[in-house]
C-alpha cells in the first residue's frame, strides 16, 4: 500500500513537471523513454528465446 501511495505521488510530480516543460522537451523525453522501453522489450524477448531453446 505504501508503494502505491509513493508511486501516485511520483506520478503527480512528473505530470506537474511535464505540464510546465516546453512541448519540444516533453516530446524529446517521450521519444527517449519510448526507445528505452523498446530496447528493453527486445532484450527481454531475445533472452526468453535463448532460454527457451536451451531447455
PDB file of N, CA and C in Angstrom:
ATOM      1  N   UNK A   1       0.832  -1.191   0.000  1.00  0.00           N
ATOM      2  CA  UNK A   1       0.000   0.000   0.000  1.00  0.00           C
ATOM      3  C   UNK A   1       0.876   1.254   0.000  1.00  0.00           C
ATOM      4  N   UNK A   2       1.945   1.207   0.765  1.00  0.00           N
ATOM      5  CA  UNK A   2       2.839   2.349   0.807  1.00  0.00           C
ATOM      6  C   UNK A   2       3.497   2.578  -0.557  1.00  0.00           C
ATOM      7  N   UNK A   3       3.806   1.477  -1.239  1.00  0.00           N
ATOM      8  CA  UNK A   3       4.386   1.584  -2.584  1.00  0.00           C
ATOM      9  C   UNK A   3       3.416   2.293  -3.524  1.00  0.00           C
ATOM     10  N   UNK A   4       2.136   1.970  -3.445  1.00  0.00           N
ATOM     11  CA  UNK A   4       1.124   2.586  -4.297  1.00  0.00           C
ATOM     12  C   UNK A   4       1.028   4.083  -4.025  1.00  0.00           C
ATOM     13  N   UNK A   5       1.056   4.467  -2.775  1.00  0.00           N
ATOM     14  CA  UNK A   5       0.998   5.888  -2.423  1.00  0.00           C
ATOM     15  C   UNK A   5       2.229   6.616  -2.962  1.00  0.00           C
ATOM     16  N   UNK A   6       3.408   6.011  -2.809  1.00  0.00           N
ATOM     17  CA  UNK A   6       4.635   6.634  -3.310  1.00  0.00           C
ATOM     18  C   UNK A   6       4.605   6.739  -4.829  1.00  0.00           C
ATOM     19  N   UNK A   7       4.094   5.714  -5.508  1.00  0.00           N
ATOM     20  CA  UNK A   7       4.016   5.742  -6.967  1.00  0.00           C
ATOM     21  C   UNK A   7       3.062   6.841  -7.432  1.00  0.00           C
ATOM     22  N   UNK A   8       1.940   6.999  -6.768  1.00  0.00           N
ATOM     23  CA  UNK A   8       0.989   8.055  -7.136  1.00  0.00           C
ATOM     24  C   UNK A   8       1.566   9.448  -6.885  1.00  0.00           C
ATOM     25  N   UNK A   9       2.313   9.593  -5.797  1.00  0.00           N
ATOM     26  CA  UNK A   9       2.951  10.884  -5.530  1.00  0.00           C
ATOM     27  C   UNK A   9       3.994  11.203  -6.591  1.00  0.00           C
ATOM     28  N   UNK A  10       4.783  10.210  -6.971  1.00  0.00           N
ATOM     29  CA  UNK A  10       5.790  10.399  -8.009  1.00  0.00           C
ATOM     30  C   UNK A  10       5.134  10.743  -9.344  1.00  0.00           C
ATOM     31  N   UNK A  11       4.034  10.074  -9.664  1.00  0.00           N
ATOM     32  CA  UNK A  11       3.304  10.366 -10.889  1.00  0.00           C
ATOM     33  C   UNK A  11       2.811  11.814 -10.895  1.00  0.00           C
ATOM     34  N   UNK A  12       2.324  12.274  -9.778  1.00  0.00           N
ATOM     35  CA  UNK A  12       1.876  13.664  -9.678  1.00  0.00           C
ATOM     36  C   UNK A  12       3.003  14.648  -9.894  1.00  0.00           C
ATOM     37  N   UNK A  13       4.162  14.363  -9.355  1.00  0.00           N
ATOM     38  CA  UNK A  13       5.321  15.242  -9.538  1.00  0.00           C
ATOM     39  C   UNK A  13       5.754  15.267 -10.996  1.00  0.00           C
ATOM     40  N   UNK A  14       5.803  14.093 -11.620  1.00  0.00           N
ATOM     41  CA  UNK A  14       6.229  14.009 -13.014  1.00  0.00           C
ATOM     42  C   UNK A  14       5.240  14.721 -13.930  1.00  0.00           C
ATOM     43  N   UNK A  15       3.956  14.496 -13.722  1.00  0.00           N
ATOM     44  CA  UNK A  15       2.953  15.149 -14.564  1.00  0.00           C
ATOM     45  C   UNK A  15       2.971  16.660 -14.359  1.00  0.00           C
ATOM     46  N   UNK A  16       3.223  17.095 -13.149  1.00  0.00           N
ATOM     47  CA  UNK A  16       3.320  18.534 -12.897  1.00  0.00           C
ATOM     48  C   UNK A  16       4.518  19.134 -13.610  1.00  0.00           C
ATOM     49  N   UNK A  17       5.622  18.400 -13.655  1.00  0.00           N
ATOM     50  CA  UNK A  17       6.812  18.876 -14.346  1.00  0.00           C
ATOM     51  C   UNK A  17       6.580  18.940 -15.849  1.00  0.00           C
ATOM     52  N   UNK A  18       5.938  17.926 -16.389  1.00  0.00           N
ATOM     53  CA  UNK A  18       5.674  17.891 -17.833  1.00  0.00           C
ATOM     54  C   UNK A  18       4.734  19.010 -18.232  1.00  0.00           C
ATOM     55  N   UNK A  19       3.810  19.361 -17.383  1.00  0.00           N
ATOM     56  CA  UNK A  19       2.861  20.421 -17.708  1.00  0.00           C
ATOM     57  C   UNK A  19       3.560  21.768 -17.870  1.00  0.00           C
ATOM     58  N   UNK A  20       4.688  21.958 -17.202  1.00  0.00           N
ATOM     59  CA  UNK A  20       5.395  23.231 -17.275  1.00  0.00           C
ATOM     60  C   UNK A  20       6.571  23.220 -18.241  1.00  0.00           C
ATOM     61  N   UNK A  21       6.891  22.070 -18.780  1.00  0.00           N
ATOM     62  CA  UNK A  21       8.012  21.958 -19.713  1.00  0.00           C
ATOM     63  C   UNK A  21       7.544  22.331 -21.125  1.00  0.00           C
ATOM     64  N   UNK A  22       8.444  22.883 -21.938  1.00  0.00           N
ATOM     65  CA  UNK A  22       8.080  23.164 -23.331  1.00  0.00           C
ATOM     66  C   UNK A  22       7.742  21.882 -24.087  1.00  0.00           C
ATOM     67  N   UNK A  23       6.951  22.023 -25.127  1.00  0.00           N
ATOM     68  CA  UNK A  23       6.498  20.862 -25.889  1.00  0.00           C
ATOM     69  C   UNK A  23       7.664  20.107 -26.516  1.00  0.00           C
ATOM     70  N   UNK A  24       8.682  20.825 -26.989  1.00  0.00           N
ATOM     71  CA  UNK A  24       9.842  20.160 -27.587  1.00  0.00           C
ATOM     72  C   UNK A  24      10.569  19.269 -26.574  1.00  0.00           C
ATOM     73  N   UNK A  25      10.727  19.759 -25.374  1.00  0.00           N
ATOM     74  CA  UNK A  25      11.400  18.993 -24.328  1.00  0.00           C
ATOM     75  C   UNK A  25      10.572  17.764 -23.964  1.00  0.00           C
ATOM     76  N   UNK A  26       9.269  17.967 -23.830  1.00  0.00           N
ATOM     77  CA  UNK A  26       8.382  16.858 -23.493  1.00  0.00           C
ATOM     78  C   UNK A  26       8.412  15.789 -24.577  1.00  0.00           C
ATOM     79  N   UNK A  27       8.341  16.190 -25.839  1.00  0.00           N
ATOM     80  CA  UNK A  27       8.367  15.236 -26.943  1.00  0.00           C
ATOM     81  C   UNK A  27       9.713  14.511 -27.014  1.00  0.00           C
ATOM     82  N   UNK A  28      10.795  15.227 -26.772  1.00  0.00           N
ATOM     83  CA  UNK A  28      12.117  14.606 -26.783  1.00  0.00           C
ATOM     84  C   UNK A  28      12.268  13.569 -25.689  1.00  0.00           C
ATOM     85  N   UNK A  29      11.831  13.912 -24.495  1.00  0.00           N
ATOM     86  CA  UNK A  29      11.910  12.958 -23.392  1.00  0.00           C
ATOM     87  C   UNK A  29      10.995  11.761 -23.620  1.00  0.00           C
ATOM     88  N   UNK A  30       9.831  11.999 -24.193  1.00  0.00           N
ATOM     89  CA  UNK A  30       8.922  10.890 -24.501  1.00  0.00           C
ATOM     90  C   UNK A  30       9.555   9.952 -25.528  1.00  0.00           C
ATOM     91  N   UNK A  31      10.250  10.510 -26.510  1.00  0.00           N
ATOM     92  CA  UNK A  31      10.916   9.680 -27.519  1.00  0.00           C
ATOM     93  C   UNK A  31      12.044   8.863 -26.888  1.00  0.00           C
ATOM     94  N   UNK A  32      12.803   9.473 -25.999  1.00  0.00           N
ATOM     95  CA  UNK A  32      13.893   8.754 -25.319  1.00  0.00           C
ATOM     96  C   UNK A  32      13.330   7.602 -24.491  1.00  0.00           C
ATOM     97  N   UNK A  33      12.252   7.851 -23.765  1.00  0.00           N
ATOM     98  CA  UNK A  33      11.644   6.801 -22.948  1.00  0.00           C
ATOM     99  C   UNK A  33      11.089   5.686 -23.834  1.00  0.00           C
ATOM    100  N   UNK A  34      10.471   6.055 -24.966  1.00  0.00           N
ATOM    101  CA  UNK A  34       9.921   5.043 -25.876  1.00  0.00           C
ATOM    102  C   UNK A  34      11.024   4.156 -26.448  1.00  0.00           C
ATOM    103  N   UNK A  35      12.150   4.757 -26.818  1.00  0.00           N
ATOM    104  CA  UNK A  35      13.277   3.964 -27.335  1.00  0.00           C
ATOM    105  C   UNK A  35      13.828   3.059 -26.244  1.00  0.00           C
ATOM    106  N   UNK A  36      13.953   3.587 -25.051  1.00  0.00           N
ATOM    107  CA  UNK A  36      14.449   2.802 -23.929  1.00  0.00           C
ATOM    108  C   UNK A  36      13.542   1.593 -23.673  1.00  0.00           C
ATOM    109  N   UNK A  37      12.229   1.808 -23.673  1.00  0.00           N
ATOM    110  CA  UNK A  37      11.299   0.704 -23.453  1.00  0.00           C
ATOM    111  C   UNK A  37      11.340  -0.310 -24.596  1.00  0.00           C
ATOM    112  N   UNK A  38      11.502   0.163 -25.819  1.00  0.00           N
ATOM    113  CA  UNK A  38      11.584  -0.746 -26.965  1.00  0.00           C
ATOM    114  C   UNK A  38      12.839  -1.616 -26.881  1.00  0.00           C
ATOM    115  N   UNK A  39      13.953  -1.014 -26.516  1.00  0.00           N
ATOM    116  CA  UNK A  39      15.201  -1.776 -26.371  1.00  0.00           C
ATOM    117  C   UNK A  39      15.065  -2.803 -25.245  1.00  0.00           C
ATOM    118  N   UNK A  40      14.459  -2.401 -24.146  1.00  0.00           N
ATOM    119  CA  UNK A  40      14.256  -3.320 -23.033  1.00  0.00           C
ATOM    120  C   UNK A  40      13.378  -4.499 -23.451  1.00  0.00           C
ATOM    121  N   UNK A  41      12.276  -4.204 -24.155  1.00  0.00           N
ATOM    122  CA  UNK A  41      11.372  -5.273 -24.593  1.00  0.00           C
ATOM    123  C   UNK A  41      12.073  -6.226 -25.559  1.00  0.00           C
ATOM    124  N   UNK A  42      12.873  -5.676 -26.450  1.00  0.00           N
ATOM    125  CA  UNK A  42      13.600  -6.511 -27.408  1.00  0.00           C
ATOM    126  C   UNK A  42      14.614  -7.405 -26.694  1.00  0.00           C
ATOM    127  N   UNK A  43      15.333  -6.847 -25.738  1.00  0.00           N
ATOM    128  CA  UNK A  43      16.303  -7.645 -24.988  1.00  0.00           C
ATOM    129  C   UNK A  43      15.617  -8.754 -24.197  1.00  0.00           C
ATOM    130  N   UNK A  44      14.484  -8.451 -23.595  1.00  0.00           N
ATOM    131  CA  UNK A  44      13.749  -9.470 -22.842  1.00  0.00           C
ATOM    132  C   UNK A  44      13.243 -10.574 -23.764  1.00  0.00           C
ATOM    133  N   UNK A  45      12.749 -10.194 -24.929  1.00  0.00           N
ATOM    134  CA  UNK A  45      12.241 -11.196 -25.871  1.00  0.00           C
ATOM    135  C   UNK A  45      13.372 -12.100 -26.355  1.00  0.00           C
ATOM    136  N   UNK A  46      14.517 -11.501 -26.672  1.00  0.00           N
ATOM    137  CA  UNK A  46      15.645 -12.297 -27.125  1.00  0.00           C
ATOM    138  C   UNK A  46      16.166 -13.201 -26.005  1.00  0.00           C
ATOM    139  N   UNK A  47      16.163 -12.719 -24.789  1.00  0.00           N
ATOM    140  CA  UNK A  47      16.629 -13.529 -23.662  1.00  0.00           C
ATOM    141  C   UNK A  47      15.686 -14.706 -23.426  1.00  0.00           C
ATOM    142  N   UNK A  48      14.404 -14.498 -23.594  1.00  0.00           N
ATOM    143  CA  UNK A  48      13.454 -15.600 -23.410  1.00  0.00           C
ATOM    144  C   UNK A  48      13.605 -16.642 -24.501  1.00  0.00           C
ATOM    145  N   UNK A  49      13.847 -16.191 -25.708  1.00  0.00           N
ATOM    146  CA  UNK A  49      14.031 -17.144 -26.808  1.00  0.00           C
ATOM    147  C   UNK A  49      15.269 -17.996 -26.570  1.00  0.00           C
ATOM    148  N   UNK A  50      16.342 -17.383 -26.124  1.00  0.00           N
ATOM    149  CA  UNK A  50      17.572 -18.141 -25.846  1.00  0.00           C
ATOM    150  C   UNK A  50      17.353 -19.120 -24.705  1.00  0.00           C
ATOM    151  N   UNK A  51      16.651 -18.677 -23.682  1.00  0.00           N
ATOM    152  CA  UNK A  51      16.395 -19.535 -22.515  1.00  0.00           C
ATOM    153  C   UNK A  51      15.470 -20.685 -22.880  1.00  0.00           C
ATOM    154  N   UNK A  52      14.455 -20.433 -23.690  1.00  0.00           N
ATOM    155  CA  UNK A  52      13.503 -21.474 -24.072  1.00  0.00           C
ATOM    156  C   UNK A  52      14.144 -22.504 -24.987  1.00  0.00           C
ATOM    157  N   UNK A  53      14.962 -22.064 -25.943  1.00  0.00           N
ATOM    158  CA  UNK A  53      15.570 -23.006 -26.879  1.00  0.00           C
ATOM    159  C   UNK A  53      16.642 -23.866 -26.200  1.00  0.00           C
ATOM    160  N   UNK A  54      17.207 -23.396 -25.099  1.00  0.00           N
ATOM    161  CA  UNK A  54      18.244 -24.167 -24.398  1.00  0.00           C
ATOM    162  C   UNK A  54      17.646 -25.335 -23.622  1.00  0.00           C
ATOM    163  N   UNK A  55      16.383 -25.220 -23.249  1.00  0.00           N
ATOM    164  CA  UNK A  55      15.751 -26.295 -22.454  1.00  0.00           C
ATOM    165  C   UNK A  55      15.319 -27.426 -23.307  1.00  0.00           C
TER     166      UNK A  55
END
